[in-house]
Amino acid sequence: MELRVQLKVCEGCGSLWYRSQNQKSVYCKGCEVRLREFPAPATRKQRGRRPANGPVFRIMAVAEEAGGAL
């Protein structure tokens, strides 16, 4: 029987641990248990200014194409 593993550094506590190649976790088992208690992170909001061709400009363009002028 053969099992392929990777030596990883836990991103939570910094300890070294082995994980199988098909596993995608970045935390050791101890940190995974501790972090399950926390809520899932919200999606990231885009920062910065909105592009100039935002929804307002699209609505005005559609209105002009339909024959209405603002």
N, C-alpha and C. Protein backbone atom coordinates (compact mmCIF):
# COMPACT_ATOMS: atom_id res chain seq x y z
N MET A 1 0.84 -1.17 0.00
CA MET A 1 0.00 0.00 0.00
C MET A 1 0.89 1.24 0.00
N GLU A 2 0.51 2.22 -0.78
CA GLU A 2 1.28 3.44 -0.89
C GLU A 2 0.38 4.64 -0.59
N LEU A 3 0.87 5.57 0.20
CA LEU A 3 0.13 6.78 0.53
C LEU A 3 1.06 7.96 0.30
N ARG A 4 0.65 8.89 -0.53
CA ARG A 4 1.46 10.07 -0.81
C ARG A 4 0.98 11.21 0.09
N VAL A 5 1.94 11.82 0.76
CA VAL A 5 1.62 12.91 1.68
C VAL A 5 2.52 14.11 1.39
N GLN A 6 2.09 15.25 1.90
CA GLN A 6 2.87 16.48 1.79
C GLN A 6 3.14 16.99 3.20
N LEU A 7 4.34 17.51 3.42
CA LEU A 7 4.66 18.13 4.69
C LEU A 7 4.21 19.58 4.61
N LYS A 8 3.33 19.98 5.51
CA LYS A 8 2.76 21.33 5.47
C LYS A 8 3.00 22.06 6.78
N VAL A 9 2.94 23.38 6.73
CA VAL A 9 2.99 24.23 7.92
C VAL A 9 1.58 24.76 8.12
N CYS A 10 1.03 24.55 9.31
CA CYS A 10 -0.33 25.01 9.61
C CYS A 10 -0.37 26.53 9.58
N GLU A 11 -1.34 27.12 8.88
CA GLU A 11 -1.48 28.57 8.81
C GLU A 11 -2.10 29.15 10.07
N GLY A 12 -2.58 28.29 10.96
CA GLY A 12 -3.16 28.76 12.20
C GLY A 12 -2.14 28.84 13.33
N CYS A 13 -1.41 27.74 13.56
CA CYS A 13 -0.50 27.69 14.71
C CYS A 13 0.96 27.55 14.31
N GLY A 14 1.26 27.26 13.06
CA GLY A 14 2.64 27.16 12.61
C GLY A 14 3.28 25.80 12.80
N SER A 15 2.52 24.81 13.25
CA SER A 15 3.11 23.48 13.45
C SER A 15 3.24 22.74 12.13
N LEU A 16 4.16 21.78 12.10
CA LEU A 16 4.33 20.94 10.91
C LEU A 16 3.40 19.75 11.00
N TRP A 17 2.78 19.38 9.86
CA TRP A 17 1.90 18.22 9.83
C TRP A 17 1.88 17.66 8.42
N TYR A 18 1.46 16.42 8.32
CA TYR A 18 1.35 15.75 7.02
C TYR A 18 -0.10 15.77 6.56
N ARG A 19 -0.30 15.98 5.26
CA ARG A 19 -1.64 15.84 4.69
C ARG A 19 -1.53 15.03 3.42
N SER A 20 -2.60 14.31 3.10
CA SER A 20 -2.58 13.52 1.86
C SER A 20 -2.63 14.48 0.68
N GLN A 21 -2.15 14.04 -0.47
CA GLN A 21 -2.04 14.93 -1.62
C GLN A 21 -3.39 15.42 -2.12
N ASN A 22 -4.44 14.67 -1.93
CA ASN A 22 -5.75 15.10 -2.44
C ASN A 22 -6.50 15.98 -1.45
N GLN A 23 -5.95 16.24 -0.28
CA GLN A 23 -6.59 17.09 0.72
C GLN A 23 -6.18 18.54 0.46
N LYS A 24 -7.09 19.49 0.66
CA LYS A 24 -6.81 20.89 0.38
C LYS A 24 -6.74 21.76 1.63
N SER A 25 -6.84 21.20 2.80
CA SER A 25 -6.85 21.97 4.03
C SER A 25 -5.51 22.65 4.27
N VAL A 26 -5.54 23.85 4.88
CA VAL A 26 -4.31 24.56 5.21
C VAL A 26 -4.09 24.61 6.71
N TYR A 27 -4.98 23.97 7.48
CA TYR A 27 -4.89 23.96 8.93
C TYR A 27 -4.71 22.53 9.44
N CYS A 28 -4.00 22.37 10.56
CA CYS A 28 -3.87 21.07 11.19
C CYS A 28 -5.22 20.69 11.80
N LYS A 29 -5.35 19.46 12.25
CA LYS A 29 -6.63 18.98 12.81
C LYS A 29 -7.05 19.81 14.02
N GLY A 30 -6.10 20.17 14.89
CA GLY A 30 -6.42 20.95 16.08
C GLY A 30 -6.99 22.32 15.73
N CYS A 31 -6.38 22.99 14.76
CA CYS A 31 -6.86 24.32 14.35
C CYS A 31 -8.19 24.21 13.61
N GLU A 32 -8.38 23.15 12.81
CA GLU A 32 -9.66 22.98 12.12
C GLU A 32 -10.80 22.88 13.11
N VAL A 33 -10.60 22.15 14.20
CA VAL A 33 -11.64 22.01 15.22
C VAL A 33 -11.93 23.36 15.86
N ARG A 34 -10.88 24.11 16.20
CA ARG A 34 -11.06 25.43 16.82
C ARG A 34 -11.73 26.42 15.88
N LEU A 35 -11.37 26.39 14.60
CA LEU A 35 -11.90 27.37 13.65
C LEU A 35 -13.31 27.05 13.19
N ARG A 36 -13.79 25.83 13.40
CA ARG A 36 -15.18 25.50 13.04
C ARG A 36 -16.18 26.32 13.83
N GLU A 37 -15.78 26.76 15.04
CA GLU A 37 -16.67 27.54 15.88
C GLU A 37 -16.92 28.94 15.34
N PHE A 38 -16.02 29.44 14.51
CA PHE A 38 -16.17 30.78 13.95
C PHE A 38 -17.12 30.75 12.76
N PRO A 39 -17.86 31.85 12.52
CA PRO A 39 -18.73 31.90 11.34
C PRO A 39 -17.91 31.97 10.05
N ALA A 40 -18.51 31.53 8.97
CA ALA A 40 -17.84 31.58 7.68
C ALA A 40 -17.62 33.03 7.28
N PRO A 41 -16.50 33.36 6.64
CA PRO A 41 -16.26 34.75 6.26
C PRO A 41 -17.24 35.21 5.18
N ALA A 42 -17.61 36.47 5.25
CA ALA A 42 -18.50 37.05 4.24
C ALA A 42 -17.71 37.25 2.95
N THR A 43 -18.43 37.39 1.87
CA THR A 43 -17.75 37.62 0.60
C THR A 43 -17.06 38.98 0.65
N ARG A 44 -15.99 39.08 -0.06
CA ARG A 44 -15.22 40.32 -0.05
C ARG A 44 -15.92 41.36 -0.92
N LYS A 45 -15.98 42.56 -0.41
CA LYS A 45 -16.54 43.67 -1.18
C LYS A 45 -15.44 44.27 -2.04
N GLN A 46 -15.85 44.74 -3.22
CA GLN A 46 -14.88 45.41 -4.07
C GLN A 46 -14.66 46.81 -3.53
N ARG A 47 -13.41 47.19 -3.44
CA ARG A 47 -13.09 48.51 -2.94
C ARG A 47 -12.74 49.43 -4.08
N GLY A 48 -12.83 50.70 -3.82
CA GLY A 48 -12.46 51.68 -4.83
C GLY A 48 -13.69 52.30 -5.46
N ARG A 49 -13.45 53.07 -6.47
CA ARG A 49 -14.53 53.78 -7.14
C ARG A 49 -15.23 52.87 -8.13
N ARG A 50 -16.50 53.18 -8.36
CA ARG A 50 -17.24 52.43 -9.39
C ARG A 50 -16.79 52.87 -10.77
N PRO A 51 -16.83 51.98 -11.72
CA PRO A 51 -16.46 52.38 -13.09
C PRO A 51 -17.46 53.39 -13.64
N ALA A 52 -17.02 54.21 -14.58
CA ALA A 52 -17.86 55.28 -15.15
C ALA A 52 -19.08 54.74 -15.88
N ASN A 53 -19.04 53.52 -16.36
CA ASN A 53 -20.18 52.96 -17.10
C ASN A 53 -21.05 52.11 -16.18
N GLY A 54 -21.36 52.64 -15.01
CA GLY A 54 -22.17 51.93 -14.03
C GLY A 54 -23.63 51.83 -14.46
N PRO A 55 -24.52 51.36 -13.59
CA PRO A 55 -25.92 51.13 -13.92
C PRO A 55 -26.67 52.39 -14.34
N VAL A 56 -26.35 53.55 -13.78
CA VAL A 56 -27.06 54.78 -14.13
C VAL A 56 -26.86 55.11 -15.61
N PHE A 57 -25.63 54.99 -16.08
CA PHE A 57 -25.35 55.30 -17.47
C PHE A 57 -25.99 54.30 -18.42
N ARG A 58 -26.08 53.04 -18.01
CA ARG A 58 -26.73 52.04 -18.86
C ARG A 58 -28.21 52.33 -18.99
N ILE A 59 -28.85 52.74 -17.91
CA ILE A 59 -30.29 53.06 -17.96
C ILE A 59 -30.52 54.24 -18.88
N MET A 60 -29.66 55.26 -18.81
CA MET A 60 -29.81 56.42 -19.68
C MET A 60 -29.63 56.03 -21.14
N ALA A 61 -28.69 55.15 -21.43
CA ALA A 61 -28.43 54.72 -22.81
C ALA A 61 -29.64 53.95 -23.34
N VAL A 62 -30.23 53.08 -22.52
CA VAL A 62 -31.40 52.32 -22.96
C VAL A 62 -32.58 53.25 -23.20
N ALA A 63 -32.76 54.27 -22.35
CA ALA A 63 -33.83 55.23 -22.51
C ALA A 63 -33.66 56.02 -23.82
N GLU A 64 -32.45 56.42 -24.14
CA GLU A 64 -32.19 57.14 -25.37
C GLU A 64 -32.48 56.28 -26.60
N GLU A 65 -32.10 55.00 -26.53
CA GLU A 65 -32.35 54.09 -27.65
C GLU A 65 -33.85 53.88 -27.87
N ALA A 66 -34.63 53.93 -26.80
CA ALA A 66 -36.06 53.73 -26.91
C ALA A 66 -36.79 54.97 -27.34
N GLY A 67 -36.08 56.08 -27.46
CA GLY A 67 -36.71 57.31 -27.93
C GLY A 67 -36.98 58.32 -26.85
N GLY A 68 -36.71 57.97 -25.64
CA GLY A 68 -36.92 58.93 -24.54
C GLY A 68 -35.63 59.61 -24.19
N ALA A 69 -35.69 60.88 -23.98
CA ALA A 69 -34.50 61.64 -23.62
C ALA A 69 -34.65 62.12 -22.20
N LEU A 70 -33.56 62.09 -21.48
CA LEU A 70 -33.60 62.57 -20.08
C LEU A 70 -33.09 63.97 -19.99
